[in-house]
N, C-alpha and C. Protein backbone atom coordinates (compact mmCIF):
# COMPACT_ATOMS: atom_id res chain seq x y z
N MET A 1 -117.99 -278.46 -24.92
CA MET A 1 -116.69 -278.93 -25.33
C MET A 1 -116.45 -280.31 -24.72
N SER A 2 -117.32 -281.26 -25.05
CA SER A 2 -117.21 -282.59 -24.49
C SER A 2 -116.15 -283.43 -25.21
N ASP A 3 -115.75 -283.03 -26.41
CA ASP A 3 -114.73 -283.76 -27.16
C ASP A 3 -113.36 -283.48 -26.54
N PRO A 4 -112.65 -284.51 -26.06
CA PRO A 4 -111.35 -284.29 -25.43
C PRO A 4 -110.31 -283.71 -26.40
N ARG A 5 -110.52 -283.92 -27.68
CA ARG A 5 -109.59 -283.35 -28.67
C ARG A 5 -109.65 -281.83 -28.65
N LEU A 6 -110.84 -281.30 -28.47
CA LEU A 6 -111.01 -279.85 -28.41
C LEU A 6 -110.31 -279.27 -27.19
N ARG A 7 -110.45 -279.97 -26.08
CA ARG A 7 -109.81 -279.51 -24.84
C ARG A 7 -108.29 -279.49 -25.01
N THR A 8 -107.74 -280.56 -25.57
CA THR A 8 -106.30 -280.65 -25.81
C THR A 8 -105.86 -279.54 -26.76
N LEU A 9 -106.63 -279.33 -27.79
CA LEU A 9 -106.31 -278.30 -28.77
C LEU A 9 -106.30 -276.92 -28.13
N LYS A 10 -107.26 -276.67 -27.27
CA LYS A 10 -107.35 -275.38 -26.59
C LYS A 10 -106.16 -275.17 -25.65
N ILE A 11 -105.78 -276.21 -24.94
CA ILE A 11 -104.63 -276.13 -24.01
C ILE A 11 -103.35 -275.88 -24.78
N LYS A 12 -103.12 -276.63 -25.84
CA LYS A 12 -101.89 -276.48 -26.64
C LYS A 12 -101.83 -275.10 -27.29
N THR A 13 -102.98 -274.60 -27.72
CA THR A 13 -103.04 -273.26 -28.30
C THR A 13 -102.64 -272.22 -27.27
N GLY A 14 -103.14 -272.36 -26.07
CA GLY A 14 -102.80 -271.43 -24.99
C GLY A 14 -101.32 -271.45 -24.66
N ILE A 15 -100.72 -272.63 -24.70
CA ILE A 15 -99.29 -272.76 -24.41
C ILE A 15 -98.47 -272.01 -25.45
N VAL A 16 -98.79 -272.21 -26.73
CA VAL A 16 -98.05 -271.53 -27.80
C VAL A 16 -98.21 -270.02 -27.67
N LYS A 17 -99.42 -269.58 -27.41
CA LYS A 17 -99.70 -268.15 -27.28
C LYS A 17 -98.90 -267.55 -26.13
N ARG A 18 -98.89 -268.23 -24.99
CA ARG A 18 -98.19 -267.74 -23.79
C ARG A 18 -96.68 -267.69 -24.02
N LEU A 19 -96.11 -268.73 -24.64
CA LEU A 19 -94.66 -268.76 -24.86
C LEU A 19 -94.22 -267.69 -25.85
N ALA A 20 -95.01 -267.44 -26.87
CA ALA A 20 -94.67 -266.38 -27.84
C ALA A 20 -94.68 -265.02 -27.13
N LYS A 21 -95.68 -264.81 -26.30
CA LYS A 21 -95.78 -263.55 -25.55
C LYS A 21 -94.62 -263.42 -24.56
N GLU A 22 -94.26 -264.51 -23.92
CA GLU A 22 -93.16 -264.51 -22.95
C GLU A 22 -91.84 -264.14 -23.64
N LYS A 23 -91.61 -264.68 -24.82
CA LYS A 23 -90.38 -264.38 -25.56
C LYS A 23 -90.31 -262.90 -25.91
N ILE A 24 -91.41 -262.35 -26.38
CA ILE A 24 -91.47 -260.93 -26.72
C ILE A 24 -91.18 -260.08 -25.48
N THR A 25 -91.74 -260.48 -24.36
CA THR A 25 -91.54 -259.74 -23.11
C THR A 25 -90.06 -259.73 -22.71
N TYR A 26 -89.40 -260.89 -22.80
CA TYR A 26 -87.97 -260.94 -22.45
C TYR A 26 -87.13 -260.10 -23.41
N GLU A 27 -87.50 -260.08 -24.69
CA GLU A 27 -86.77 -259.26 -25.64
C GLU A 27 -86.92 -257.77 -25.31
N LYS A 28 -88.14 -257.35 -24.98
CA LYS A 28 -88.37 -255.95 -24.61
C LYS A 28 -87.61 -255.61 -23.33
N GLU A 29 -87.67 -256.51 -22.36
CA GLU A 29 -86.98 -256.29 -21.09
C GLU A 29 -85.48 -256.15 -21.31
N SER A 30 -84.92 -256.96 -22.19
CA SER A 30 -83.49 -256.89 -22.48
C SER A 30 -83.12 -255.56 -23.11
N GLU A 31 -83.94 -255.10 -24.03
CA GLU A 31 -83.69 -253.82 -24.69
C GLU A 31 -83.76 -252.67 -23.68
N GLN A 32 -84.76 -252.71 -22.79
CA GLN A 32 -84.89 -251.67 -21.76
C GLN A 32 -83.68 -251.70 -20.83
N GLN A 33 -83.20 -252.89 -20.52
CA GLN A 33 -82.06 -253.02 -19.63
C GLN A 33 -80.80 -252.46 -20.29
N ARG A 34 -80.64 -252.72 -21.59
CA ARG A 34 -79.49 -252.16 -22.32
C ARG A 34 -79.51 -250.63 -22.25
N GLU A 35 -80.70 -250.07 -22.46
CA GLU A 35 -80.84 -248.61 -22.40
C GLU A 35 -80.52 -248.08 -21.01
N ARG A 36 -80.96 -248.79 -19.98
CA ARG A 36 -80.69 -248.39 -18.60
C ARG A 36 -79.19 -248.41 -18.31
N ILE A 37 -78.51 -249.44 -18.79
CA ILE A 37 -77.06 -249.55 -18.58
C ILE A 37 -76.35 -248.40 -19.27
N GLN A 38 -76.76 -248.11 -20.51
CA GLN A 38 -76.15 -247.00 -21.25
C GLN A 38 -76.36 -245.69 -20.51
N LYS A 39 -77.56 -245.49 -19.98
CA LYS A 39 -77.88 -244.28 -19.23
C LYS A 39 -77.01 -244.18 -17.98
N TYR A 40 -76.84 -245.30 -17.28
CA TYR A 40 -76.00 -245.33 -16.08
C TYR A 40 -74.56 -244.95 -16.42
N LYS A 41 -74.07 -245.47 -17.55
CA LYS A 41 -72.69 -245.16 -17.96
C LYS A 41 -72.54 -243.68 -18.28
N GLU A 42 -73.56 -243.12 -18.97
CA GLU A 42 -73.52 -241.71 -19.33
C GLU A 42 -73.58 -240.82 -18.10
N GLN A 43 -74.31 -241.28 -17.07
CA GLN A 43 -74.44 -240.51 -15.83
C GLN A 43 -73.24 -240.69 -14.91
N GLY A 44 -72.34 -241.60 -15.27
CA GLY A 44 -71.17 -241.84 -14.45
C GLY A 44 -71.50 -242.56 -13.14
N LYS A 45 -72.49 -243.41 -13.17
CA LYS A 45 -72.89 -244.16 -11.97
C LYS A 45 -71.74 -245.06 -11.51
N ASP A 46 -71.86 -245.52 -10.28
CA ASP A 46 -70.88 -246.41 -9.68
C ASP A 46 -70.74 -247.69 -10.50
N GLY A 47 -69.52 -248.21 -10.60
CA GLY A 47 -69.26 -249.44 -11.36
C GLY A 47 -70.04 -250.63 -10.84
N TYR A 48 -70.25 -250.66 -9.53
CA TYR A 48 -71.01 -251.75 -8.92
C TYR A 48 -72.45 -251.77 -9.45
N ASP A 49 -73.06 -250.59 -9.50
CA ASP A 49 -74.44 -250.49 -10.00
C ASP A 49 -74.53 -250.94 -11.46
N ILE A 50 -73.56 -250.52 -12.26
CA ILE A 50 -73.55 -250.89 -13.68
C ILE A 50 -73.39 -252.40 -13.82
N ARG A 51 -72.47 -253.00 -13.04
CA ARG A 51 -72.27 -254.45 -13.12
C ARG A 51 -73.53 -255.21 -12.71
N LYS A 52 -74.21 -254.73 -11.69
CA LYS A 52 -75.44 -255.39 -11.25
C LYS A 52 -76.50 -255.33 -12.36
N GLN A 53 -76.60 -254.18 -13.02
CA GLN A 53 -77.56 -254.05 -14.12
C GLN A 53 -77.18 -254.95 -15.29
N GLU A 54 -75.89 -255.13 -15.53
CA GLU A 54 -75.43 -256.02 -16.59
C GLU A 54 -75.77 -257.47 -16.25
N GLU A 55 -75.71 -257.82 -14.96
CA GLU A 55 -76.11 -259.16 -14.54
C GLU A 55 -77.60 -259.39 -14.82
N VAL A 56 -78.41 -258.39 -14.52
CA VAL A 56 -79.85 -258.49 -14.79
C VAL A 56 -80.08 -258.67 -16.30
N LEU A 57 -79.32 -257.93 -17.10
CA LEU A 57 -79.43 -258.05 -18.56
C LEU A 57 -79.08 -259.47 -19.00
N GLN A 58 -78.00 -260.02 -18.47
CA GLN A 58 -77.60 -261.38 -18.85
C GLN A 58 -78.66 -262.41 -18.49
N GLU A 59 -79.31 -262.22 -17.36
CA GLU A 59 -80.39 -263.15 -16.96
C GLU A 59 -81.54 -263.09 -17.97
N SER A 60 -81.90 -261.89 -18.39
CA SER A 60 -82.97 -261.75 -19.38
C SER A 60 -82.57 -262.37 -20.71
N LEU A 61 -81.32 -262.14 -21.12
CA LEU A 61 -80.85 -262.68 -22.39
C LEU A 61 -80.80 -264.21 -22.38
N MET A 62 -80.52 -264.79 -21.22
CA MET A 62 -80.47 -266.25 -21.12
C MET A 62 -81.86 -266.87 -21.26
N MET A 63 -82.88 -266.11 -20.93
CA MET A 63 -84.24 -266.64 -21.00
C MET A 63 -84.77 -266.70 -22.44
N ILE A 64 -84.26 -265.87 -23.32
CA ILE A 64 -84.77 -265.81 -24.69
C ILE A 64 -84.56 -267.14 -25.43
N PRO A 65 -83.35 -267.72 -25.44
CA PRO A 65 -83.18 -269.00 -26.13
C PRO A 65 -84.04 -270.11 -25.51
N ASP A 66 -84.19 -270.07 -24.19
CA ASP A 66 -85.03 -271.06 -23.51
C ASP A 66 -86.47 -270.94 -23.98
N CYS A 67 -86.97 -269.72 -24.06
CA CYS A 67 -88.34 -269.48 -24.54
C CYS A 67 -88.49 -269.95 -25.98
N GLN A 68 -87.49 -269.66 -26.81
CA GLN A 68 -87.55 -270.06 -28.21
C GLN A 68 -87.59 -271.57 -28.34
N ARG A 69 -86.79 -272.25 -27.54
CA ARG A 69 -86.75 -273.71 -27.59
C ARG A 69 -88.10 -274.31 -27.17
N ARG A 70 -88.65 -273.80 -26.07
CA ARG A 70 -89.95 -274.30 -25.60
C ARG A 70 -91.06 -273.95 -26.59
N LEU A 71 -90.98 -272.75 -27.17
CA LEU A 71 -91.98 -272.34 -28.16
C LEU A 71 -91.91 -273.23 -29.40
N ALA A 72 -90.71 -273.53 -29.88
CA ALA A 72 -90.57 -274.37 -31.06
C ALA A 72 -91.17 -275.75 -30.81
N LYS A 73 -90.94 -276.29 -29.63
CA LYS A 73 -91.49 -277.62 -29.29
C LYS A 73 -93.02 -277.57 -29.23
N ALA A 74 -93.57 -276.57 -28.54
CA ALA A 74 -95.02 -276.44 -28.42
C ALA A 74 -95.66 -276.16 -29.78
N TYR A 75 -94.99 -275.37 -30.60
CA TYR A 75 -95.48 -275.04 -31.94
C TYR A 75 -95.63 -276.31 -32.77
N GLU A 76 -94.59 -277.15 -32.75
CA GLU A 76 -94.62 -278.40 -33.52
C GLU A 76 -95.71 -279.34 -33.01
N GLU A 77 -95.88 -279.40 -31.70
CA GLU A 77 -96.94 -280.25 -31.13
C GLU A 77 -98.32 -279.80 -31.61
N LEU A 78 -98.55 -278.50 -31.55
CA LEU A 78 -99.84 -277.96 -31.98
C LEU A 78 -100.05 -278.19 -33.47
N LYS A 79 -99.00 -277.99 -34.24
CA LYS A 79 -99.07 -278.19 -35.69
C LYS A 79 -99.44 -279.64 -36.01
N LYS A 80 -98.84 -280.59 -35.30
CA LYS A 80 -99.15 -282.01 -35.54
C LYS A 80 -100.59 -282.33 -35.17
N ILE A 81 -101.07 -281.75 -34.09
CA ILE A 81 -102.46 -281.97 -33.69
C ILE A 81 -103.40 -281.45 -34.77
N LEU A 82 -103.11 -280.27 -35.30
CA LEU A 82 -103.95 -279.70 -36.36
C LEU A 82 -103.95 -280.58 -37.61
N GLU A 83 -102.79 -281.17 -37.90
CA GLU A 83 -102.70 -282.03 -39.08
C GLU A 83 -103.50 -283.32 -38.89
N THR A 84 -103.50 -283.86 -37.68
CA THR A 84 -104.20 -285.12 -37.44
C THR A 84 -105.70 -284.95 -37.18
N GLU A 85 -106.10 -283.75 -36.80
CA GLU A 85 -107.52 -283.51 -36.47
C GLU A 85 -108.19 -282.58 -37.48
N GLU A 86 -107.91 -282.79 -38.75
CA GLU A 86 -108.47 -281.91 -39.79
C GLU A 86 -109.99 -281.98 -39.88
N ASP A 87 -110.59 -283.02 -39.32
CA ASP A 87 -112.05 -283.12 -39.34
C ASP A 87 -112.71 -282.04 -38.47
N LEU A 88 -111.91 -281.36 -37.64
CA LEU A 88 -112.43 -280.29 -36.77
C LEU A 88 -112.26 -278.90 -37.41
N LYS A 89 -111.90 -278.88 -38.69
CA LYS A 89 -111.57 -277.63 -39.39
C LYS A 89 -112.57 -276.50 -39.21
N GLU A 90 -113.83 -276.83 -39.07
CA GLU A 90 -114.88 -275.81 -38.98
C GLU A 90 -115.12 -275.32 -37.55
N VAL A 91 -114.50 -275.95 -36.58
CA VAL A 91 -114.71 -275.61 -35.17
C VAL A 91 -113.88 -274.38 -34.80
N GLU A 92 -114.45 -273.53 -33.98
CA GLU A 92 -113.79 -272.27 -33.59
C GLU A 92 -112.44 -272.49 -32.93
N VAL A 93 -112.33 -273.51 -32.09
CA VAL A 93 -111.06 -273.79 -31.39
C VAL A 93 -109.96 -274.13 -32.39
N TYR A 94 -110.30 -274.87 -33.42
CA TYR A 94 -109.34 -275.24 -34.47
C TYR A 94 -108.88 -273.99 -35.23
N ILE A 95 -109.83 -273.15 -35.58
CA ILE A 95 -109.53 -271.91 -36.32
C ILE A 95 -108.62 -271.00 -35.48
N GLU A 96 -108.92 -270.89 -34.19
CA GLU A 96 -108.09 -270.09 -33.28
C GLU A 96 -106.67 -270.66 -33.21
N ALA A 97 -106.56 -271.99 -33.17
CA ALA A 97 -105.24 -272.63 -33.12
C ALA A 97 -104.44 -272.31 -34.38
N GLN A 98 -105.08 -272.33 -35.53
CA GLN A 98 -104.39 -271.98 -36.78
C GLN A 98 -103.89 -270.54 -36.75
N LYS A 99 -104.71 -269.65 -36.24
CA LYS A 99 -104.34 -268.23 -36.15
C LYS A 99 -103.15 -268.05 -35.22
N VAL A 100 -103.16 -268.73 -34.09
CA VAL A 100 -102.06 -268.63 -33.14
C VAL A 100 -100.76 -269.16 -33.77
N LEU A 101 -100.86 -270.25 -34.53
CA LEU A 101 -99.67 -270.77 -35.22
C LEU A 101 -99.11 -269.73 -36.19
N GLU A 102 -99.99 -269.10 -36.96
CA GLU A 102 -99.54 -268.07 -37.90
C GLU A 102 -98.88 -266.90 -37.18
N ASP A 103 -99.53 -266.45 -36.11
CA ASP A 103 -99.02 -265.29 -35.37
C ASP A 103 -97.68 -265.58 -34.69
N SER A 104 -97.53 -266.78 -34.17
CA SER A 104 -96.33 -267.09 -33.40
C SER A 104 -95.17 -267.57 -34.27
N SER A 105 -95.40 -267.86 -35.52
CA SER A 105 -94.34 -268.37 -36.38
C SER A 105 -93.18 -267.36 -36.50
N SER A 106 -93.48 -266.08 -36.40
CA SER A 106 -92.42 -265.06 -36.50
C SER A 106 -91.50 -265.08 -35.27
N GLN A 107 -91.93 -265.71 -34.19
CA GLN A 107 -91.12 -265.77 -32.97
C GLN A 107 -90.21 -266.99 -32.94
N LEU A 108 -90.37 -267.87 -33.91
CA LEU A 108 -89.54 -269.08 -33.96
C LEU A 108 -88.16 -268.74 -34.51
N PRO A 109 -87.13 -269.45 -34.06
CA PRO A 109 -85.80 -269.21 -34.62
C PRO A 109 -85.76 -269.72 -36.06
N ASN A 110 -85.08 -269.00 -36.94
CA ASN A 110 -84.94 -269.44 -38.32
C ASN A 110 -84.02 -270.63 -38.37
N GLU A 111 -84.13 -271.44 -39.43
CA GLU A 111 -83.26 -272.60 -39.58
C GLU A 111 -81.80 -272.15 -39.55
N GLY A 112 -81.02 -272.80 -38.73
CA GLY A 112 -79.60 -272.50 -38.65
C GLY A 112 -79.26 -271.20 -37.95
N GLU A 113 -80.25 -270.53 -37.40
CA GLU A 113 -80.01 -269.26 -36.73
C GLU A 113 -79.28 -269.50 -35.41
N VAL A 114 -78.25 -268.73 -35.21
CA VAL A 114 -77.53 -268.79 -33.94
C VAL A 114 -78.09 -267.67 -33.07
N LEU A 115 -78.53 -268.03 -31.90
CA LEU A 115 -79.11 -267.03 -31.00
C LEU A 115 -78.00 -266.14 -30.47
N SER A 116 -78.15 -264.85 -30.68
CA SER A 116 -77.12 -263.91 -30.25
C SER A 116 -77.44 -263.34 -28.89
N LEU A 117 -76.40 -263.20 -28.11
CA LEU A 117 -76.56 -262.60 -26.78
C LEU A 117 -75.91 -261.29 -26.75
């Protein structure tokens, strides 16, 4: 991998892959936290414990828009690189980058979508 374009492509691909995975993780964590809070309420736990769990939930929810913003930026950067380096179309790193773009596109916010907390 002596071509610096391949190295850049590999790095950018890894960034997009990691950010998409990170967003999914925060979404799962938020859902688990909601369930935990509901369980605490049903069990009649102390109000302090419930409030602390709600704070943890809010922290997770705040990370989702941040991840989406960073993912959208990294996604666009990778997409531009693929457009400018089409001569590498047959190289495995290029093909992997295309696959990662396809896979992560579902994690991007839709046009005009308001992120709900």
